[in-house]
Amino acid sequence: MNEIWDLIKNSYLVNPRDVLTYGGRKYFYVYTQDDKVYLESGRNHPNGSNISSTRTLDKENLSAVFEKYKSGSKPSDVTEITFNSVYWFGIFRDLKL
């Protein structure tokens, strides 16, 4: 999982950007700073998500969430792991994982 984490960090370090949620309705902004991945409301689209404060993705959740994603689960099936599942899934799709 370290290689996937590094891919996520590096992609959004080089090119911080708006990403479409897994459901395809809202955009959220992803960036990397100080070796952490952060989420905020979308910056470059009128239909930005309603993230009220900056969120940090927890690397410890990556393996479990990615396995659920690859098995065809929906973000709503993963909320027991993290409430950020819709954002994780959007990032996986954005990076074509």
PDB file of N, CA and C in Angstrom:
ATOM      1  N   MET A   1       0.809  -1.208   0.000  1.00  0.00           N
ATOM      2  CA  MET A   1       0.000   0.000   0.000  1.00  0.00           C
ATOM      3  C   MET A   1       0.851   1.270   0.000  1.00  0.00           C
ATOM      4  N   ASN A   2       2.097   1.137   0.391  1.00  0.00           N
ATOM      5  CA  ASN A   2       2.958   2.326   0.409  1.00  0.00           C
ATOM      6  C   ASN A   2       3.095   2.951  -0.972  1.00  0.00           C
ATOM      7  N   GLU A   3       3.133   2.112  -2.016  1.00  0.00           N
ATOM      8  CA  GLU A   3       3.281   2.667  -3.363  1.00  0.00           C
ATOM      9  C   GLU A   3       2.032   3.439  -3.780  1.00  0.00           C
ATOM     10  N   ILE A   4       0.856   2.970  -3.352  1.00  0.00           N
ATOM     11  CA  ILE A   4      -0.386   3.696  -3.666  1.00  0.00           C
ATOM     12  C   ILE A   4      -0.425   5.005  -2.880  1.00  0.00           C
ATOM     13  N   TRP A   5      -0.044   4.954  -1.612  1.00  0.00           N
ATOM     14  CA  TRP A   5      -0.013   6.170  -0.805  1.00  0.00           C
ATOM     15  C   TRP A   5       0.940   7.193  -1.423  1.00  0.00           C
ATOM     16  N   ASP A   6       2.117   6.728  -1.848  1.00  0.00           N
ATOM     17  CA  ASP A   6       3.084   7.629  -2.471  1.00  0.00           C
ATOM     18  C   ASP A   6       2.540   8.210  -3.771  1.00  0.00           C
ATOM     19  N   LEU A   7       1.837   7.398  -4.549  1.00  0.00           N
ATOM     20  CA  LEU A   7       1.223   7.886  -5.787  1.00  0.00           C
ATOM     21  C   LEU A   7       0.210   8.988  -5.487  1.00  0.00           C
ATOM     22  N   ILE A   8      -0.627   8.777  -4.486  1.00  0.00           N
ATOM     23  CA  ILE A   8      -1.631   9.779  -4.095  1.00  0.00           C
ATOM     24  C   ILE A   8      -0.925  11.068  -3.660  1.00  0.00           C
ATOM     25  N   LYS A   9       0.008  10.949  -2.729  1.00  0.00           N
ATOM     26  CA  LYS A   9       0.715  12.130  -2.222  1.00  0.00           C
ATOM     27  C   LYS A   9       1.402  12.897  -3.347  1.00  0.00           C
ATOM     28  N   ASN A  10       2.127  12.184  -4.180  1.00  0.00           N
ATOM     29  CA  ASN A  10       2.904  12.850  -5.220  1.00  0.00           C
ATOM     30  C   ASN A  10       2.029  13.482  -6.291  1.00  0.00           C
ATOM     31  N   SER A  11       0.939  12.815  -6.645  1.00  0.00           N
ATOM     32  CA  SER A  11       0.054  13.361  -7.670  1.00  0.00           C
ATOM     33  C   SER A  11      -0.522  14.707  -7.246  1.00  0.00           C
ATOM     34  N   TYR A  12      -0.972  14.779  -5.999  1.00  0.00           N
ATOM     35  CA  TYR A  12      -1.605  16.012  -5.528  1.00  0.00           C
ATOM     36  C   TYR A  12      -0.603  17.030  -4.990  1.00  0.00           C
ATOM     37  N   LEU A  13       0.652  16.616  -4.840  1.00  0.00           N
ATOM     38  CA  LEU A  13       1.711  17.573  -4.531  1.00  0.00           C
ATOM     39  C   LEU A  13       2.092  18.324  -5.806  1.00  0.00           C
ATOM     40  N   VAL A  14       2.264  17.582  -6.885  1.00  0.00           N
ATOM     41  CA  VAL A  14       2.640  18.153  -8.170  1.00  0.00           C
ATOM     42  C   VAL A  14       1.474  18.924  -8.792  1.00  0.00           C
ATOM     43  N   ASN A  15       0.275  18.395  -8.634  1.00  0.00           N
ATOM     44  CA  ASN A  15      -0.894  18.988  -9.277  1.00  0.00           C
ATOM     45  C   ASN A  15      -2.099  18.976  -8.323  1.00  0.00           C
ATOM     46  N   PRO A  16      -2.128  19.876  -7.341  1.00  0.00           N
ATOM     47  CA  PRO A  16      -3.321  19.958  -6.486  1.00  0.00           C
ATOM     48  C   PRO A  16      -4.508  20.345  -7.354  1.00  0.00           C
ATOM     49  N   ARG A  17      -5.662  19.724  -7.093  1.00  0.00           N
ATOM     50  CA  ARG A  17      -6.781  19.953  -8.007  1.00  0.00           C
ATOM     51  C   ARG A  17      -8.111  19.539  -7.397  1.00  0.00           C
ATOM     52  N   ASP A  18      -9.170  20.003  -8.077  1.00  0.00           N
ATOM     53  CA  ASP A  18     -10.507  19.552  -7.758  1.00  0.00           C
ATOM     54  C   ASP A  18     -10.699  18.145  -8.305  1.00  0.00           C
ATOM     55  N   VAL A  19     -11.364  17.326  -7.525  1.00  0.00           N
ATOM     56  CA  VAL A  19     -11.666  15.944  -7.889  1.00  0.00           C
ATOM     57  C   VAL A  19     -13.161  15.748  -7.693  1.00  0.00           C
ATOM     58  N   LEU A  20     -13.769  15.016  -8.577  1.00  0.00           N
ATOM     59  CA  LEU A  20     -15.197  14.724  -8.490  1.00  0.00           C
ATOM     60  C   LEU A  20     -15.436  13.601  -7.484  1.00  0.00           C
ATOM     61  N   THR A  21     -16.417  13.780  -6.611  1.00  0.00           N
ATOM     62  CA  THR A  21     -16.741  12.717  -5.668  1.00  0.00           C
ATOM     63  C   THR A  21     -17.125  11.451  -6.426  1.00  0.00           C
ATOM     64  N   TYR A  22     -17.065  10.340  -5.747  1.00  0.00           N
ATOM     65  CA  TYR A  22     -17.366   9.061  -6.379  1.00  0.00           C
ATOM     66  C   TYR A  22     -18.774   9.053  -6.962  1.00  0.00           C
ATOM     67  N   GLY A  23     -19.697   9.715  -6.294  1.00  0.00           N
ATOM     68  CA  GLY A  23     -21.064   9.792  -6.799  1.00  0.00           C
ATOM     69  C   GLY A  23     -21.210  10.729  -7.983  1.00  0.00           C
ATOM     70  N   GLY A  24     -20.178  11.512  -8.267  1.00  0.00           N
ATOM     71  CA  GLY A  24     -20.171  12.372  -9.430  1.00  0.00           C
ATOM     72  C   GLY A  24     -20.996  13.634  -9.311  1.00  0.00           C
ATOM     73  N   ARG A  25     -21.277  14.074  -8.090  1.00  0.00           N
ATOM     74  CA  ARG A  25     -22.143  15.249  -7.936  1.00  0.00           C
ATOM     75  C   ARG A  25     -21.420  16.497  -7.445  1.00  0.00           C
ATOM     76  N   LYS A  26     -20.370  16.324  -6.693  1.00  0.00           N
ATOM     77  CA  LYS A  26     -19.680  17.459  -6.078  1.00  0.00           C
ATOM     78  C   LYS A  26     -18.178  17.341  -6.292  1.00  0.00           C
ATOM     79  N   TYR A  27     -17.530  18.499  -6.292  1.00  0.00           N
ATOM     80  CA  TYR A  27     -16.081  18.538  -6.402  1.00  0.00           C
ATOM     81  C   TYR A  27     -15.469  18.865  -5.045  1.00  0.00           C
ATOM     82  N   PHE A  28     -14.313  18.286  -4.791  1.00  0.00           N
ATOM     83  CA  PHE A  28     -13.540  18.613  -3.603  1.00  0.00           C
ATOM     84  C   PHE A  28     -12.094  18.829  -4.040  1.00  0.00           C
ATOM     85  N   TYR A  29     -11.390  19.642  -3.291  1.00  0.00           N
ATOM     86  CA  TYR A  29     -10.022  20.009  -3.633  1.00  0.00           C
ATOM     87  C   TYR A  29      -9.060  19.145  -2.825  1.00  0.00           C
ATOM     88  N   VAL A  30      -8.058  18.577  -3.512  1.00  0.00           N
ATOM     89  CA  VAL A  30      -7.079  17.703  -2.867  1.00  0.00           C
ATOM     90  C   VAL A  30      -5.691  18.299  -3.053  1.00  0.00           C
ATOM     91  N   TYR A  31      -4.931  18.348  -1.968  1.00  0.00           N
ATOM     92  CA  TYR A  31      -3.554  18.818  -2.048  1.00  0.00           C
ATOM     93  C   TYR A  31      -2.712  18.109  -0.992  1.00  0.00           C
ATOM     94  N   THR A  32      -1.406  18.131  -1.211  1.00  0.00           N
ATOM     95  CA  THR A  32      -0.457  17.524  -0.281  1.00  0.00           C
ATOM     96  C   THR A  32       0.427  18.618   0.288  1.00  0.00           C
ATOM     97  N   GLN A  33       0.635  18.528   1.591  1.00  0.00           N
ATOM     98  CA  GLN A  33       1.520  19.468   2.267  1.00  0.00           C
ATOM     99  C   GLN A  33       2.127  18.746   3.460  1.00  0.00           C
ATOM    100  N   ASP A  34       3.418  18.908   3.665  1.00  0.00           N
ATOM    101  CA  ASP A  34       4.108  18.278   4.795  1.00  0.00           C
ATOM    102  C   ASP A  34       3.838  16.776   4.871  1.00  0.00           C
ATOM    103  N   ASP A  35       3.850  16.113   3.726  1.00  0.00           N
ATOM    104  CA  ASP A  35       3.699  14.660   3.631  1.00  0.00           C
ATOM    105  C   ASP A  35       2.308  14.161   4.043  1.00  0.00           C
ATOM    106  N   LYS A  36       1.322  15.052   4.033  1.00  0.00           N
ATOM    107  CA  LYS A  36      -0.062  14.673   4.347  1.00  0.00           C
ATOM    108  C   LYS A  36      -0.962  15.083   3.196  1.00  0.00           C
ATOM    109  N   VAL A  37      -2.082  14.381   3.065  1.00  0.00           N
ATOM    110  CA  VAL A  37      -3.048  14.662   2.007  1.00  0.00           C
ATOM    111  C   VAL A  37      -4.268  15.319   2.642  1.00  0.00           C
ATOM    112  N   TYR A  38      -4.661  16.470   2.102  1.00  0.00           N
ATOM    113  CA  TYR A  38      -5.750  17.259   2.654  1.00  0.00           C
ATOM    114  C   TYR A  38      -6.894  17.407   1.658  1.00  0.00           C
ATOM    115  N   LEU A  39      -8.091  17.568   2.204  1.00  0.00           N
ATOM    116  CA  LEU A  39      -9.304  17.782   1.423  1.00  0.00           C
ATOM    117  C   LEU A  39      -9.972  19.066   1.873  1.00  0.00           C
ATOM    118  N   GLU A  40     -10.489  19.817   0.903  1.00  0.00           N
ATOM    119  CA  GLU A  40     -11.282  21.012   1.184  1.00  0.00           C
ATOM    120  C   GLU A  40     -12.418  21.056   0.176  1.00  0.00           C
ATOM    121  N   SER A  41     -13.327  21.983   0.360  1.00  0.00           N
ATOM    122  CA  SER A  41     -14.389  22.182  -0.631  1.00  0.00           C
ATOM    123  C   SER A  41     -13.765  22.505  -1.978  1.00  0.00           C
ATOM    124  N   GLY A  42     -14.451  22.121  -3.054  1.00  0.00           N
ATOM    125  CA  GLY A  42     -13.954  22.388  -4.395  1.00  0.00           C
ATOM    126  C   GLY A  42     -13.682  23.867  -4.605  1.00  0.00           C
ATOM    127  N   ARG A  43     -12.623  24.162  -5.313  1.00  0.00           N
ATOM    128  CA  ARG A  43     -12.219  25.553  -5.531  1.00  0.00           C
ATOM    129  C   ARG A  43     -12.539  26.060  -6.928  1.00  0.00           C
ATOM    130  N   ASN A  44     -12.574  25.177  -7.896  1.00  0.00           N
ATOM    131  CA  ASN A  44     -12.636  25.615  -9.287  1.00  0.00           C
ATOM    132  C   ASN A  44     -13.924  25.222 -10.000  1.00  0.00           C
ATOM    133  N   HIS A  45     -14.916  24.800  -9.260  1.00  0.00           N
ATOM    134  CA  HIS A  45     -16.198  24.410  -9.849  1.00  0.00           C
ATOM    135  C   HIS A  45     -17.330  24.967  -8.983  1.00  0.00           C
ATOM    136  N   PRO A  46     -18.412  25.372  -9.588  1.00  0.00           N
ATOM    137  CA  PRO A  46     -19.513  25.940  -8.807  1.00  0.00           C
ATOM    138  C   PRO A  46     -20.186  24.923  -7.894  1.00  0.00           C
ATOM    139  N   ASN A  47     -20.098  23.641  -8.209  1.00  0.00           N
ATOM    140  CA  ASN A  47     -20.755  22.633  -7.374  1.00  0.00           C
ATOM    141  C   ASN A  47     -19.729  21.936  -6.471  1.00  0.00           C
ATOM    142  N   GLY A  48     -19.077  22.750  -5.631  1.00  0.00           N
ATOM    143  CA  GLY A  48     -18.110  22.225  -4.672  1.00  0.00           C
ATOM    144  C   GLY A  48     -18.801  21.524  -3.521  1.00  0.00           C
ATOM    145  N   SER A  49     -18.101  20.576  -2.925  1.00  0.00           N
ATOM    146  CA  SER A  49     -18.648  19.846  -1.784  1.00  0.00           C
ATOM    147  C   SER A  49     -18.781  20.786  -0.584  1.00  0.00           C
ATOM    148  N   ASN A  50     -19.479  20.334   0.412  1.00  0.00           N
ATOM    149  CA  ASN A  50     -19.728  21.153   1.592  1.00  0.00           C
ATOM    150  C   ASN A  50     -18.799  20.770   2.748  1.00  0.00           C
ATOM    151  N   ILE A  51     -17.518  20.663   2.474  1.00  0.00           N
ATOM    152  CA  ILE A  51     -16.557  20.370   3.537  1.00  0.00           C
ATOM    153  C   ILE A  51     -16.363  21.660   4.321  1.00  0.00           C
ATOM    154  N   SER A  52     -16.734  21.654   5.593  1.00  0.00           N
ATOM    155  CA  SER A  52     -16.723  22.891   6.379  1.00  0.00           C
ATOM    156  C   SER A  52     -15.329  23.276   6.872  1.00  0.00           C
ATOM    157  N   SER A  53     -14.457  22.300   7.061  1.00  0.00           N
ATOM    158  CA  SER A  53     -13.082  22.592   7.462  1.00  0.00           C
ATOM    159  C   SER A  53     -12.165  21.571   6.796  1.00  0.00           C
ATOM    160  N   THR A  54     -10.905  21.903   6.717  1.00  0.00           N
ATOM    161  CA  THR A  54      -9.944  21.035   6.057  1.00  0.00           C
ATOM    162  C   THR A  54      -9.924  19.666   6.734  1.00  0.00           C
ATOM    163  N   ARG A  55      -9.934  18.624   5.910  1.00  0.00           N
ATOM    164  CA  ARG A  55      -9.851  17.249   6.408  1.00  0.00           C
ATOM    165  C   ARG A  55      -8.506  16.659   5.991  1.00  0.00           C
ATOM    166  N   THR A  56      -8.008  15.748   6.787  1.00  0.00           N
ATOM    167  CA  THR A  56      -6.776  15.034   6.476  1.00  0.00           C
ATOM    168  C   THR A  56      -7.118  13.577   6.226  1.00  0.00           C
ATOM    169  N   LEU A  57      -6.609  13.032   5.123  1.00  0.00           N
ATOM    170  CA  LEU A  57      -6.818  11.607   4.873  1.00  0.00           C
ATOM    171  C   LEU A  57      -5.883  10.811   5.768  1.00  0.00           C
ATOM    172  N   ASP A  58      -6.407   9.763   6.362  1.00  0.00           N
ATOM    173  CA  ASP A  58      -5.645   8.928   7.279  1.00  0.00           C
ATOM    174  C   ASP A  58      -5.033   7.757   6.522  1.00  0.00           C
ATOM    175  N   LYS A  59      -3.719   7.742   6.425  1.00  0.00           N
ATOM    176  CA  LYS A  59      -3.006   6.683   5.702  1.00  0.00           C
ATOM    177  C   LYS A  59      -3.375   5.298   6.228  1.00  0.00           C
ATOM    178  N   GLU A  60      -3.661   5.187   7.502  1.00  0.00           N
ATOM    179  CA  GLU A  60      -3.984   3.895   8.103  1.00  0.00           C
ATOM    180  C   GLU A  60      -5.273   3.299   7.527  1.00  0.00           C
ATOM    181  N   ASN A  61      -6.132   4.128   6.959  1.00  0.00           N
ATOM    182  CA  ASN A  61      -7.376   3.636   6.359  1.00  0.00           C
ATOM    183  C   ASN A  61      -7.207   3.170   4.922  1.00  0.00           C
ATOM    184  N   LEU A  62      -6.101   3.522   4.295  1.00  0.00           N
ATOM    185  CA  LEU A  62      -5.920   3.267   2.869  1.00  0.00           C
ATOM    186  C   LEU A  62      -6.137   1.807   2.487  1.00  0.00           C
ATOM    187  N   SER A  63      -5.495   0.894   3.146  1.00  0.00           N
ATOM    188  CA  SER A  63      -5.561  -0.515   2.758  1.00  0.00           C
ATOM    189  C   SER A  63      -6.986  -1.043   2.792  1.00  0.00           C
ATOM    190  N   ALA A  64      -7.683  -0.820   3.893  1.00  0.00           N
ATOM    191  CA  ALA A  64      -9.054  -1.331   4.042  1.00  0.00           C
ATOM    192  C   ALA A  64     -10.000  -0.682   3.046  1.00  0.00           C
ATOM    193  N   VAL A  65      -9.883   0.622   2.857  1.00  0.00           N
ATOM    194  CA  VAL A  65     -10.774   1.337   1.944  1.00  0.00           C
ATOM    195  C   VAL A  65     -10.482   0.922   0.496  1.00  0.00           C
ATOM    196  N   PHE A  66      -9.208   0.791   0.151  1.00  0.00           N
ATOM    197  CA  PHE A  66      -8.851   0.408  -1.211  1.00  0.00           C
ATOM    198  C   PHE A  66      -9.350  -1.013  -1.532  1.00  0.00           C
ATOM    199  N   GLU A  67      -9.241  -1.921  -0.591  1.00  0.00           N
ATOM    200  CA  GLU A  67      -9.749  -3.281  -0.805  1.00  0.00           C
ATOM    201  C   GLU A  67     -11.252  -3.265  -1.062  1.00  0.00           C
ATOM    202  N   LYS A  68     -11.978  -2.475  -0.307  1.00  0.00           N
ATOM    203  CA  LYS A  68     -13.432  -2.363  -0.514  1.00  0.00           C
ATOM    204  C   LYS A  68     -13.731  -1.756  -1.884  1.00  0.00           C
ATOM    205  N   TYR A  69     -12.977  -0.747  -2.266  1.00  0.00           N
ATOM    206  CA  TYR A  69     -13.148  -0.107  -3.573  1.00  0.00           C
ATOM    207  C   TYR A  69     -12.943  -1.126  -4.690  1.00  0.00           C
ATOM    208  N   LYS A  70     -11.859  -1.877  -4.611  1.00  0.00           N
ATOM    209  CA  LYS A  70     -11.537  -2.845  -5.656  1.00  0.00           C
ATOM    210  C   LYS A  70     -12.539  -4.004  -5.699  1.00  0.00           C
ATOM    211  N   SER A  71     -13.192  -4.279  -4.583  1.00  0.00           N
ATOM    212  CA  SER A  71     -14.163  -5.381  -4.546  1.00  0.00           C
ATOM    213  C   SER A  71     -15.536  -4.956  -5.048  1.00  0.00           C
ATOM    214  N   GLY A  72     -15.681  -3.654  -5.394  1.00  0.00           N
ATOM    215  CA  GLY A  72     -16.948  -3.178  -5.933  1.00  0.00           C
ATOM    216  C   GLY A  72     -17.893  -2.583  -4.908  1.00  0.00           C
ATOM    217  N   SER A  73     -17.423  -2.398  -3.696  1.00  0.00           N
ATOM    218  CA  SER A  73     -18.258  -1.779  -2.666  1.00  0.00           C
ATOM    219  C   SER A  73     -18.563  -0.335  -3.026  1.00  0.00           C
ATOM    220  N   LYS A  74     -19.605   0.191  -2.430  1.00  0.00           N
ATOM    221  CA  LYS A  74     -19.963   1.598  -2.567  1.00  0.00           C
ATOM    222  C   LYS A  74     -19.398   2.356  -1.366  1.00  0.00           C
ATOM    223  N   PRO A  75     -19.180   3.660  -1.500  1.00  0.00           N
ATOM    224  CA  PRO A  75     -18.673   4.425  -0.356  1.00  0.00           C
ATOM    225  C   PRO A  75     -19.545   4.267   0.897  1.00  0.00           C
ATOM    226  N   SER A  76     -20.845   4.147   0.719  1.00  0.00           N
ATOM    227  CA  SER A  76     -21.727   3.994   1.880  1.00  0.00           C
ATOM    228  C   SER A  76     -21.489   2.687   2.618  1.00  0.00           C
ATOM    229  N   ASP A  77     -20.871   1.708   1.963  1.00  0.00           N
ATOM    230  CA  ASP A  77     -20.549   0.431   2.608  1.00  0.00           C
ATOM    231  C   ASP A  77     -19.289   0.518   3.457  1.00  0.00           C
ATOM    232  N   VAL A  78     -18.589   1.646   3.383  1.00  0.00           N
ATOM    233  CA  VAL A  78     -17.278   1.764   4.018  1.00  0.00           C
ATOM    234  C   VAL A  78     -17.280   2.786   5.153  1.00  0.00           C
ATOM    235  N   THR A  79     -18.423   3.335   5.491  1.00  0.00           N
ATOM    236  CA  THR A  79     -18.459   4.384   6.516  1.00  0.00           C
ATOM    237  C   THR A  79     -18.048   3.887   7.895  1.00  0.00           C
ATOM    238  N   GLU A  80     -18.072   2.575   8.130  1.00  0.00           N
ATOM    239  CA  GLU A  80     -17.596   2.072   9.420  1.00  0.00           C
ATOM    240  C   GLU A  80     -16.077   2.203   9.530  1.00  0.00           C
ATOM    241  N   ILE A  81     -15.398   2.347   8.389  1.00  0.00           N
ATOM    242  CA  ILE A  81     -13.947   2.535   8.383  1.00  0.00           C
ATOM    243  C   ILE A  81     -13.620   4.032   8.445  1.00  0.00           C
ATOM    244  N   THR A  82     -14.316   4.826   7.603  1.00  0.00           N
ATOM    245  CA  THR A  82     -14.078   6.267   7.551  1.00  0.00           C
ATOM    246  C   THR A  82     -15.268   6.979   6.927  1.00  0.00           C
ATOM    247  N   PHE A  83     -15.535   8.170   7.413  1.00  0.00           N
ATOM    248  CA  PHE A  83     -16.577   8.997   6.810  1.00  0.00           C
ATOM    249  C   PHE A  83     -16.071   9.689   5.543  1.00  0.00           C
ATOM    250  N   ASN A  84     -14.797   9.553   5.249  1.00  0.00           N
ATOM    251  CA  ASN A  84     -14.207  10.145   4.046  1.00  0.00           C
ATOM    252  C   ASN A  84     -14.233   9.185   2.862  1.00  0.00           C
ATOM    253  N   SER A  85     -14.989   8.131   2.935  1.00  0.00           N
ATOM    254  CA  SER A  85     -14.957   7.098   1.890  1.00  0.00           C
ATOM    255  C   SER A  85     -15.325   7.647   0.512  1.00  0.00           C
ATOM    256  N   VAL A  86     -16.284   8.535   0.426  1.00  0.00           N
ATOM    257  CA  VAL A  86     -16.672   9.090  -0.880  1.00  0.00           C
ATOM    258  C   VAL A  86     -15.512   9.874  -1.502  1.00  0.00           C
ATOM    259  N   TYR A  87     -14.674  10.471  -0.659  1.00  0.00           N
ATOM    260  CA  TYR A  87     -13.510  11.206  -1.144  1.00  0.00           C
ATOM    261  C   TYR A  87     -12.386  10.244  -1.532  1.00  0.00           C
ATOM    262  N   TRP A  88     -12.147   9.243  -0.696  1.00  0.00           N
ATOM    263  CA  TRP A  88     -11.171   8.209  -1.055  1.00  0.00           C
ATOM    264  C   TRP A  88     -11.515   7.608  -2.416  1.00  0.00           C
ATOM    265  N   PHE A  89     -12.771   7.198  -2.587  1.00  0.00           N
ATOM    266  CA  PHE A  89     -13.185   6.558  -3.835  1.00  0.00           C
ATOM    267  C   PHE A  89     -13.020   7.516  -5.020  1.00  0.00           C
ATOM    268  N   GLY A  90     -13.311   8.792  -4.809  1.00  0.00           N
ATOM    269  CA  GLY A  90     -13.120   9.782  -5.862  1.00  0.00           C
ATOM    270  C   GLY A  90     -11.655   9.907  -6.255  1.00  0.00           C
ATOM    271  N   ILE A  91     -10.783   9.865  -5.278  1.00  0.00           N
ATOM    272  CA  ILE A  91      -9.344   9.929  -5.543  1.00  0.00           C
ATOM    273  C   ILE A  91      -8.885   8.693  -6.296  1.00  0.00           C
ATOM    274  N   PHE A  92      -9.355   7.525  -5.895  1.00  0.00           N
ATOM    275  CA  PHE A  92      -8.986   6.287  -6.600  1.00  0.00           C
ATOM    276  C   PHE A  92      -9.408   6.366  -8.063  1.00  0.00           C
ATOM    277  N   ARG A  93     -10.613   6.863  -8.274  1.00  0.00           N
ATOM    278  CA  ARG A  93     -11.098   6.984  -9.656  1.00  0.00           C
ATOM    279  C   ARG A  93     -10.298   8.027 -10.428  1.00  0.00           C
ATOM    280  N   ASP A  94     -10.021   9.163  -9.788  1.00  0.00           N
ATOM    281  CA  ASP A  94      -9.239  10.215 -10.437  1.00  0.00           C
ATOM    282  C   ASP A  94      -7.874   9.704 -10.873  1.00  0.00           C
ATOM    283  N   LEU A  95      -7.272   8.847 -10.070  1.00  0.00           N
ATOM    284  CA  LEU A  95      -5.932   8.321 -10.371  1.00  0.00           C
ATOM    285  C   LEU A  95      -5.984   7.026 -11.168  1.00  0.00           C
ATOM    286  N   LYS A  96      -7.206   6.618 -11.520  1.00  0.00           N
ATOM    287  CA  LYS A  96      -7.408   5.403 -12.328  1.00  0.00           C
ATOM    288  C   LYS A  96      -6.801   4.169 -11.678  1.00  0.00           C
ATOM    289  N   LEU A  97      -7.050   4.035 -10.376  1.00  0.00           N
ATOM    290  CA  LEU A  97      -6.536   2.876  -9.626  1.00  0.00           C
ATOM    291  C   LEU A  97      -7.536   1.721  -9.655  1.00  0.00           C
TER     292      LEU A  97
END
